[in-house]
Amino acid sequence: MVKSILDEPLRAEIIERVRNLNKNLQAQWGSMNVFQVVKHCRLFEAWIHGIGDWDYSASRSTPTQAAEALIAVTSDDTPIIKHAPSTQILIVNETEVDFEKEKDLWISHLEAYQNYHNPAFVHDFFGKMTPEQIGILAYKHTDHHLRQFGV
């Protein structure tokens, strides 16, 4: 079975890793600093959960591209590649944010996967996703950024 944030023990492990993030960590790759990553990840989870005002109608891909990419990302435990592009709506330009507040919000959004339900969610590249696919993507996304900072 592919790792998913919907799996309680894996979610608990991810949350513990998030708790281990601190302001002094340096990225091992990528252009975001730890402040930007914490906010980016908090926004990613809010987007998936539908917390806030999100437009789920935009698409950057054709249906064929979306289907092929979604299968490639969710079919196994291969980590997201370093330097993978982000959707424009989740790019954080501020270089410093309220680190602890953003981290706490991120953790609360991760905890909310216990009862995940947002049938309106449509990924801007992958399109409509099943809850299982969302759980896999959410796990991989969080793992990707935690590995980026050695956590």
N, C-alpha and C. Protein backbone atom coordinates (compact mmCIF):
# COMPACT_ATOMS: atom_id res chain seq x y z
N MET A 1 0.85 -1.19 0.00
CA MET A 1 0.00 0.00 0.00
C MET A 1 0.89 1.25 0.00
N VAL A 2 0.52 2.24 -0.78
CA VAL A 2 1.29 3.47 -0.90
C VAL A 2 1.01 4.35 0.33
N LYS A 3 2.07 5.01 0.82
CA LYS A 3 1.95 5.85 2.01
C LYS A 3 0.96 6.98 1.78
N SER A 4 0.14 7.23 2.81
CA SER A 4 -0.92 8.23 2.72
C SER A 4 -1.06 8.98 4.04
N ILE A 5 -1.34 10.26 3.93
CA ILE A 5 -1.57 11.09 5.13
C ILE A 5 -2.87 10.67 5.82
N LEU A 6 -3.71 9.91 5.12
CA LEU A 6 -4.96 9.44 5.71
C LEU A 6 -4.72 8.30 6.70
N ASP A 7 -3.54 7.71 6.65
CA ASP A 7 -3.16 6.63 7.57
C ASP A 7 -2.70 7.26 8.89
N GLU A 8 -3.41 6.97 9.96
CA GLU A 8 -3.15 7.64 11.24
C GLU A 8 -1.71 7.52 11.72
N PRO A 9 -1.09 6.33 11.73
CA PRO A 9 0.30 6.26 12.20
C PRO A 9 1.27 7.09 11.34
N LEU A 10 1.08 7.09 10.02
CA LEU A 10 1.94 7.91 9.16
C LEU A 10 1.68 9.40 9.38
N ARG A 11 0.42 9.76 9.58
CA ARG A 11 0.08 11.16 9.86
C ARG A 11 0.75 11.60 11.17
N ALA A 12 0.71 10.77 12.18
CA ALA A 12 1.35 11.09 13.46
C ALA A 12 2.86 11.26 13.28
N GLU A 13 3.46 10.40 12.47
CA GLU A 13 4.90 10.51 12.19
C GLU A 13 5.23 11.82 11.47
N ILE A 14 4.42 12.16 10.49
CA ILE A 14 4.63 13.41 9.74
C ILE A 14 4.49 14.61 10.67
N ILE A 15 3.47 14.60 11.51
CA ILE A 15 3.25 15.73 12.44
C ILE A 15 4.44 15.86 13.39
N GLU A 16 4.97 14.76 13.86
CA GLU A 16 6.15 14.82 14.73
C GLU A 16 7.34 15.42 13.98
N ARG A 17 7.50 15.08 12.74
CA ARG A 17 8.58 15.67 11.93
C ARG A 17 8.38 17.17 11.75
N VAL A 18 7.14 17.59 11.53
CA VAL A 18 6.84 19.03 11.42
C VAL A 18 7.20 19.73 12.71
N ARG A 19 6.88 19.11 13.85
CA ARG A 19 7.21 19.71 15.15
C ARG A 19 8.72 19.91 15.31
N ASN A 20 9.52 19.09 14.62
CA ASN A 20 10.98 19.18 14.71
C ASN A 20 11.58 20.28 13.84
N LEU A 21 10.77 20.91 13.01
CA LEU A 21 11.28 22.04 12.22
C LEU A 21 11.60 23.21 13.14
N ASN A 22 12.66 23.92 12.84
CA ASN A 22 12.97 25.14 13.59
C ASN A 22 13.49 26.21 12.64
N LYS A 23 13.51 27.43 13.13
CA LYS A 23 13.85 28.60 12.31
C LYS A 23 15.28 28.59 11.78
N ASN A 24 16.14 27.78 12.35
CA ASN A 24 17.56 27.81 11.98
C ASN A 24 17.92 26.80 10.89
N LEU A 25 16.98 26.00 10.46
CA LEU A 25 17.28 24.97 9.46
C LEU A 25 17.53 25.59 8.10
N GLN A 26 18.48 25.03 7.39
CA GLN A 26 18.82 25.47 6.04
C GLN A 26 18.35 24.42 5.03
N ALA A 27 17.84 24.90 3.90
CA ALA A 27 17.37 24.00 2.85
C ALA A 27 18.55 23.24 2.24
N GLN A 28 18.33 21.97 1.96
CA GLN A 28 19.33 21.16 1.28
C GLN A 28 19.19 21.28 -0.24
N TRP A 29 18.07 21.82 -0.70
CA TRP A 29 17.85 22.13 -2.10
C TRP A 29 16.70 23.12 -2.18
N GLY A 30 16.52 23.72 -3.34
CA GLY A 30 15.39 24.62 -3.58
C GLY A 30 15.67 26.05 -3.19
N SER A 31 14.72 26.91 -3.53
CA SER A 31 14.91 28.34 -3.30
C SER A 31 14.17 28.87 -2.08
N MET A 32 13.26 28.08 -1.49
CA MET A 32 12.50 28.57 -0.33
C MET A 32 13.30 28.38 0.95
N ASN A 33 13.17 29.35 1.85
CA ASN A 33 13.75 29.18 3.17
C ASN A 33 12.71 28.48 4.06
N VAL A 34 13.08 28.19 5.30
CA VAL A 34 12.20 27.41 6.18
C VAL A 34 10.91 28.16 6.50
N PHE A 35 10.97 29.50 6.58
CA PHE A 35 9.76 30.29 6.84
C PHE A 35 8.78 30.12 5.68
N GLN A 36 9.30 30.24 4.46
CA GLN A 36 8.46 30.13 3.27
C GLN A 36 7.88 28.73 3.13
N VAL A 37 8.66 27.72 3.45
CA VAL A 37 8.18 26.34 3.34
C VAL A 37 7.06 26.07 4.32
N VAL A 38 7.19 26.56 5.53
CA VAL A 38 6.14 26.34 6.53
C VAL A 38 4.83 26.98 6.07
N LYS A 39 4.90 28.19 5.56
CA LYS A 39 3.67 28.82 5.08
C LYS A 39 3.17 28.14 3.81
N HIS A 40 4.05 27.80 2.89
CA HIS A 40 3.67 27.10 1.67
C HIS A 40 2.93 25.80 2.00
N CYS A 41 3.46 25.04 2.93
CA CYS A 41 2.83 23.77 3.30
C CYS A 41 1.50 23.99 4.01
N ARG A 42 1.43 25.00 4.84
CA ARG A 42 0.16 25.33 5.50
C ARG A 42 -0.89 25.70 4.45
N LEU A 43 -0.48 26.50 3.46
CA LEU A 43 -1.41 26.88 2.38
C LEU A 43 -1.82 25.66 1.55
N PHE A 44 -0.88 24.77 1.28
CA PHE A 44 -1.18 23.55 0.52
C PHE A 44 -2.29 22.75 1.22
N GLU A 45 -2.15 22.57 2.53
CA GLU A 45 -3.16 21.80 3.27
C GLU A 45 -4.49 22.54 3.29
N ALA A 46 -4.46 23.87 3.47
CA ALA A 46 -5.70 24.65 3.46
C ALA A 46 -6.40 24.52 2.11
N TRP A 47 -5.61 24.55 1.03
CA TRP A 47 -6.14 24.40 -0.32
C TRP A 47 -6.84 23.05 -0.47
N ILE A 48 -6.20 21.99 -0.03
CA ILE A 48 -6.80 20.66 -0.15
C ILE A 48 -8.07 20.54 0.69
N HIS A 49 -8.03 21.10 1.89
CA HIS A 49 -9.20 21.00 2.78
C HIS A 49 -10.30 21.99 2.42
N GLY A 50 -9.99 22.99 1.60
CA GLY A 50 -10.99 24.00 1.28
C GLY A 50 -11.14 25.04 2.36
N ILE A 51 -10.07 25.26 3.12
CA ILE A 51 -10.06 26.27 4.19
C ILE A 51 -9.63 27.58 3.56
N GLY A 52 -10.56 28.50 3.45
CA GLY A 52 -10.28 29.77 2.76
C GLY A 52 -11.01 29.80 1.43
N ASP A 53 -10.68 30.80 0.63
CA ASP A 53 -11.35 31.03 -0.64
C ASP A 53 -10.45 30.56 -1.78
N TRP A 54 -10.73 29.40 -2.33
CA TRP A 54 -9.90 28.82 -3.39
C TRP A 54 -10.72 28.63 -4.66
N ASP A 55 -10.10 28.88 -5.79
CA ASP A 55 -10.72 28.65 -7.09
C ASP A 55 -10.24 27.30 -7.60
N TYR A 56 -11.15 26.34 -7.66
CA TYR A 56 -10.79 24.99 -8.09
C TYR A 56 -11.04 24.77 -9.59
N SER A 57 -11.22 25.84 -10.35
CA SER A 57 -11.57 25.67 -11.76
C SER A 57 -10.38 25.75 -12.71
N ALA A 58 -9.28 26.33 -12.29
CA ALA A 58 -8.14 26.51 -13.18
C ALA A 58 -7.41 25.19 -13.41
N SER A 59 -6.93 25.01 -14.64
CA SER A 59 -6.15 23.82 -14.95
C SER A 59 -4.94 24.20 -15.80
N ARG A 60 -3.80 23.62 -15.46
CA ARG A 60 -2.57 23.88 -16.22
C ARG A 60 -2.24 22.72 -17.13
N SER A 61 -3.14 21.76 -17.28
CA SER A 61 -2.80 20.56 -18.05
C SER A 61 -3.99 20.10 -18.86
N THR A 62 -3.71 19.24 -19.82
CA THR A 62 -4.78 18.58 -20.56
C THR A 62 -5.26 17.39 -19.74
N PRO A 63 -6.46 16.88 -20.01
CA PRO A 63 -6.93 15.70 -19.28
C PRO A 63 -5.97 14.51 -19.37
N THR A 64 -5.36 14.31 -20.53
CA THR A 64 -4.42 13.19 -20.70
C THR A 64 -3.17 13.40 -19.86
N GLN A 65 -2.61 14.62 -19.91
CA GLN A 65 -1.43 14.92 -19.08
C GLN A 65 -1.77 14.71 -17.61
N ALA A 66 -2.91 15.23 -17.18
CA ALA A 66 -3.31 15.13 -15.78
C ALA A 66 -3.43 13.69 -15.34
N ALA A 67 -4.10 12.88 -16.13
CA ALA A 67 -4.30 11.47 -15.77
C ALA A 67 -2.98 10.72 -15.69
N GLU A 68 -2.11 10.92 -16.66
CA GLU A 68 -0.81 10.23 -16.66
C GLU A 68 0.05 10.67 -15.48
N ALA A 69 0.08 11.98 -15.22
CA ALA A 69 0.89 12.49 -14.11
C ALA A 69 0.35 12.03 -12.77
N LEU A 70 -0.95 12.02 -12.62
CA LEU A 70 -1.56 11.60 -11.35
C LEU A 70 -1.24 10.13 -11.07
N ILE A 71 -1.34 9.29 -12.07
CA ILE A 71 -0.99 7.88 -11.90
C ILE A 71 0.49 7.75 -11.52
N ALA A 72 1.34 8.49 -12.19
CA ALA A 72 2.79 8.42 -11.90
C ALA A 72 3.09 8.83 -10.46
N VAL A 73 2.40 9.85 -9.96
CA VAL A 73 2.68 10.36 -8.62
C VAL A 73 2.08 9.47 -7.53
N THR A 74 0.92 8.89 -7.79
CA THR A 74 0.21 8.17 -6.72
C THR A 74 0.31 6.66 -6.77
N SER A 75 1.04 6.10 -7.74
CA SER A 75 1.06 4.64 -7.88
C SER A 75 2.09 3.94 -7.00
N ASP A 76 3.07 4.70 -6.47
CA ASP A 76 4.08 4.08 -5.61
C ASP A 76 4.63 5.10 -4.63
N ASP A 77 5.60 4.68 -3.83
CA ASP A 77 6.17 5.55 -2.79
C ASP A 77 7.37 6.37 -3.25
N THR A 78 7.58 6.47 -4.54
CA THR A 78 8.69 7.29 -5.03
C THR A 78 8.49 8.73 -4.56
N PRO A 79 9.51 9.31 -3.90
CA PRO A 79 9.37 10.70 -3.42
C PRO A 79 9.24 11.69 -4.57
N ILE A 80 8.67 12.83 -4.27
CA ILE A 80 8.61 13.93 -5.24
C ILE A 80 10.04 14.37 -5.52
N ILE A 81 10.32 14.64 -6.78
CA ILE A 81 11.68 15.02 -7.17
C ILE A 81 12.07 16.38 -6.60
N LYS A 82 13.35 16.55 -6.35
CA LYS A 82 13.87 17.85 -5.92
C LYS A 82 13.57 18.86 -7.02
N HIS A 83 13.30 20.09 -6.62
CA HIS A 83 13.04 21.20 -7.54
C HIS A 83 11.76 21.03 -8.34
N ALA A 84 10.83 20.20 -7.86
CA ALA A 84 9.55 20.07 -8.55
C ALA A 84 8.82 21.41 -8.52
N PRO A 85 8.16 21.79 -9.60
CA PRO A 85 7.48 23.08 -9.64
C PRO A 85 6.25 23.11 -8.73
N SER A 86 5.92 24.29 -8.27
CA SER A 86 4.75 24.49 -7.43
C SER A 86 3.68 25.24 -8.22
N THR A 87 2.46 25.05 -7.81
CA THR A 87 1.39 25.84 -8.38
C THR A 87 1.57 27.30 -7.96
N GLN A 88 1.26 28.22 -8.82
CA GLN A 88 1.46 29.65 -8.56
C GLN A 88 0.72 30.12 -7.31
N ILE A 89 -0.45 29.55 -7.05
CA ILE A 89 -1.25 30.02 -5.91
C ILE A 89 -0.63 29.69 -4.56
N LEU A 90 0.38 28.81 -4.55
CA LEU A 90 1.01 28.41 -3.29
C LEU A 90 2.42 28.95 -3.13
N ILE A 91 2.85 29.83 -4.02
CA ILE A 91 4.19 30.41 -3.91
C ILE A 91 4.16 31.50 -2.86
N VAL A 92 5.11 31.43 -1.94
CA VAL A 92 5.22 32.38 -0.84
C VAL A 92 6.40 33.30 -1.12
N ASN A 93 6.11 34.60 -1.20
CA ASN A 93 7.17 35.57 -1.49
C ASN A 93 7.77 36.20 -0.24
N GLU A 94 7.02 36.22 0.85
CA GLU A 94 7.58 36.78 2.08
C GLU A 94 8.79 35.94 2.49
N THR A 95 9.83 36.58 2.96
CA THR A 95 11.02 35.83 3.37
C THR A 95 10.97 35.44 4.84
N GLU A 96 10.06 36.06 5.60
CA GLU A 96 9.91 35.70 7.01
C GLU A 96 8.44 35.84 7.39
N VAL A 97 7.90 34.82 8.04
CA VAL A 97 6.51 34.80 8.50
C VAL A 97 6.51 34.43 9.98
N ASP A 98 5.33 34.49 10.62
CA ASP A 98 5.21 34.07 12.01
C ASP A 98 5.36 32.54 12.04
N PHE A 99 6.58 32.10 12.25
CA PHE A 99 6.95 30.69 12.10
C PHE A 99 6.09 29.77 12.96
N GLU A 100 5.99 30.06 14.25
CA GLU A 100 5.26 29.16 15.16
C GLU A 100 3.77 29.15 14.84
N LYS A 101 3.20 30.30 14.50
CA LYS A 101 1.78 30.36 14.14
C LYS A 101 1.52 29.53 12.88
N GLU A 102 2.35 29.72 11.85
CA GLU A 102 2.17 28.96 10.61
C GLU A 102 2.36 27.47 10.84
N LYS A 103 3.35 27.12 11.66
CA LYS A 103 3.60 25.70 11.94
C LYS A 103 2.41 25.09 12.69
N ASP A 104 1.87 25.81 13.67
CA ASP A 104 0.71 25.31 14.41
C ASP A 104 -0.51 25.13 13.50
N LEU A 105 -0.73 26.10 12.61
CA LEU A 105 -1.84 25.98 11.66
C LEU A 105 -1.63 24.79 10.72
N TRP A 106 -0.39 24.62 10.25
CA TRP A 106 -0.06 23.49 9.38
C TRP A 106 -0.37 22.18 10.10
N ILE A 107 0.05 22.05 11.34
CA ILE A 107 -0.21 20.84 12.11
C ILE A 107 -1.72 20.61 12.26
N SER A 108 -2.47 21.67 12.54
CA SER A 108 -3.92 21.49 12.69
C SER A 108 -4.55 21.04 11.38
N HIS A 109 -4.05 21.52 10.25
CA HIS A 109 -4.55 21.07 8.94
C HIS A 109 -4.17 19.61 8.68
N LEU A 110 -2.97 19.22 9.11
CA LEU A 110 -2.57 17.82 8.98
C LEU A 110 -3.45 16.92 9.84
N GLU A 111 -3.74 17.36 11.06
CA GLU A 111 -4.60 16.59 11.95
C GLU A 111 -6.00 16.42 11.36
N ALA A 112 -6.44 17.40 10.59
CA ALA A 112 -7.79 17.37 10.00
C ALA A 112 -7.97 16.26 8.98
N TYR A 113 -6.88 15.64 8.52
CA TYR A 113 -7.02 14.51 7.60
C TYR A 113 -7.69 13.32 8.27
N GLN A 114 -7.78 13.34 9.58
CA GLN A 114 -8.48 12.27 10.29
C GLN A 114 -9.92 12.16 9.77
N ASN A 115 -10.50 13.30 9.41
CA ASN A 115 -11.88 13.33 8.92
C ASN A 115 -11.93 14.05 7.56
N TYR A 116 -11.00 13.75 6.68
CA TYR A 116 -10.91 14.49 5.42
C TYR A 116 -12.20 14.36 4.60
N HIS A 117 -12.68 15.54 4.14
CA HIS A 117 -13.83 15.56 3.25
C HIS A 117 -13.87 16.92 2.56
N ASN A 118 -13.52 16.94 1.30
CA ASN A 118 -13.66 18.14 0.48
C ASN A 118 -13.92 17.70 -0.95
N PRO A 119 -15.17 17.31 -1.25
CA PRO A 119 -15.47 16.83 -2.60
C PRO A 119 -15.31 17.89 -3.68
N ALA A 120 -15.20 19.15 -3.30
CA ALA A 120 -15.04 20.24 -4.27
C ALA A 120 -13.59 20.34 -4.77
N PHE A 121 -12.63 19.75 -4.06
CA PHE A 121 -11.22 19.94 -4.42
C PHE A 121 -10.91 19.42 -5.81
N VAL A 122 -10.25 20.29 -6.59
CA VAL A 122 -9.72 19.93 -7.90
C VAL A 122 -8.31 20.49 -7.96
N HIS A 123 -7.32 19.63 -8.12
CA HIS A 123 -5.93 20.07 -8.21
C HIS A 123 -5.74 20.82 -9.52
N ASP A 124 -4.96 21.89 -9.49
CA ASP A 124 -4.81 22.72 -10.69
C ASP A 124 -4.01 22.05 -11.80
N PHE A 125 -3.33 20.96 -11.51
CA PHE A 125 -2.64 20.22 -12.57
C PHE A 125 -3.24 18.83 -12.74
N PHE A 126 -3.43 18.11 -11.63
CA PHE A 126 -3.91 16.73 -11.69
C PHE A 126 -5.41 16.62 -11.93
N GLY A 127 -6.14 17.69 -11.70
CA GLY A 127 -7.59 17.66 -11.87
C GLY A 127 -8.28 17.02 -10.67
N LYS A 128 -9.45 16.42 -10.93
CA LYS A 128 -10.23 15.79 -9.88
C LYS A 128 -9.46 14.58 -9.35
N MET A 129 -9.43 14.43 -8.03
CA MET A 129 -8.70 13.34 -7.39
C MET A 129 -9.60 12.63 -6.39
N THR A 130 -9.34 11.34 -6.20
CA THR A 130 -10.05 10.60 -5.17
C THR A 130 -9.45 10.97 -3.81
N PRO A 131 -10.17 10.73 -2.74
CA PRO A 131 -9.57 10.96 -1.42
C PRO A 131 -8.27 10.17 -1.22
N GLU A 132 -8.21 8.95 -1.76
CA GLU A 132 -7.01 8.14 -1.63
C GLU A 132 -5.83 8.81 -2.33
N GLN A 133 -6.05 9.32 -3.53
CA GLN A 133 -5.00 10.01 -4.27
C GLN A 133 -4.57 11.29 -3.55
N ILE A 134 -5.52 12.00 -2.98
CA ILE A 134 -5.22 13.21 -2.22
C ILE A 134 -4.36 12.85 -1.02
N GLY A 135 -4.70 11.77 -0.33
CA GLY A 135 -3.93 11.34 0.83
C GLY A 135 -2.48 11.02 0.47
N ILE A 136 -2.28 10.38 -0.67
CA ILE A 136 -0.93 10.04 -1.13
C ILE A 136 -0.17 11.31 -1.49
N LEU A 137 -0.81 12.19 -2.26
CA LEU A 137 -0.15 13.44 -2.65
C LEU A 137 0.19 14.28 -1.43
N ALA A 138 -0.73 14.39 -0.48
CA ALA A 138 -0.48 15.20 0.72
C ALA A 138 0.69 14.64 1.51
N TYR A 139 0.77 13.31 1.63
CA TYR A 139 1.90 12.70 2.33
C TYR A 139 3.20 13.02 1.59
N LYS A 140 3.21 12.80 0.28
CA LYS A 140 4.43 13.02 -0.49
C LYS A 140 4.87 14.48 -0.47
N HIS A 141 3.91 15.39 -0.55
CA HIS A 141 4.25 16.81 -0.53
C HIS A 141 4.90 17.20 0.79
N THR A 142 4.29 16.77 1.88
CA THR A 142 4.84 17.11 3.20
C THR A 142 6.19 16.45 3.41
N ASP A 143 6.30 15.19 3.08
CA ASP A 143 7.57 14.47 3.19
C ASP A 143 8.66 15.17 2.36
N HIS A 144 8.32 15.58 1.16
CA HIS A 144 9.26 16.27 0.27
C HIS A 144 9.87 17.50 0.95
N HIS A 145 9.01 18.33 1.54
CA HIS A 145 9.51 19.55 2.15
C HIS A 145 10.21 19.30 3.48
N LEU A 146 9.81 18.28 4.20
CA LEU A 146 10.54 17.95 5.44
C LEU A 146 11.93 17.41 5.10
N ARG A 147 12.04 16.57 4.08
CA ARG A 147 13.35 16.09 3.64
C ARG A 147 14.21 17.25 3.13
N GLN A 148 13.58 18.24 2.52
CA GLN A 148 14.29 19.42 2.03
C GLN A 148 15.07 20.10 3.15
N PHE A 149 14.55 20.01 4.38
CA PHE A 149 15.19 20.63 5.54
C PHE A 149 15.79 19.60 6.50
N GLY A 150 15.98 18.37 6.02
CA GLY A 150 16.66 17.35 6.79
C GLY A 150 15.89 16.83 7.98
N VAL A 151 14.57 16.94 7.94
CA VAL A 151 13.74 16.50 9.06
C VAL A 151 12.93 15.29 8.66
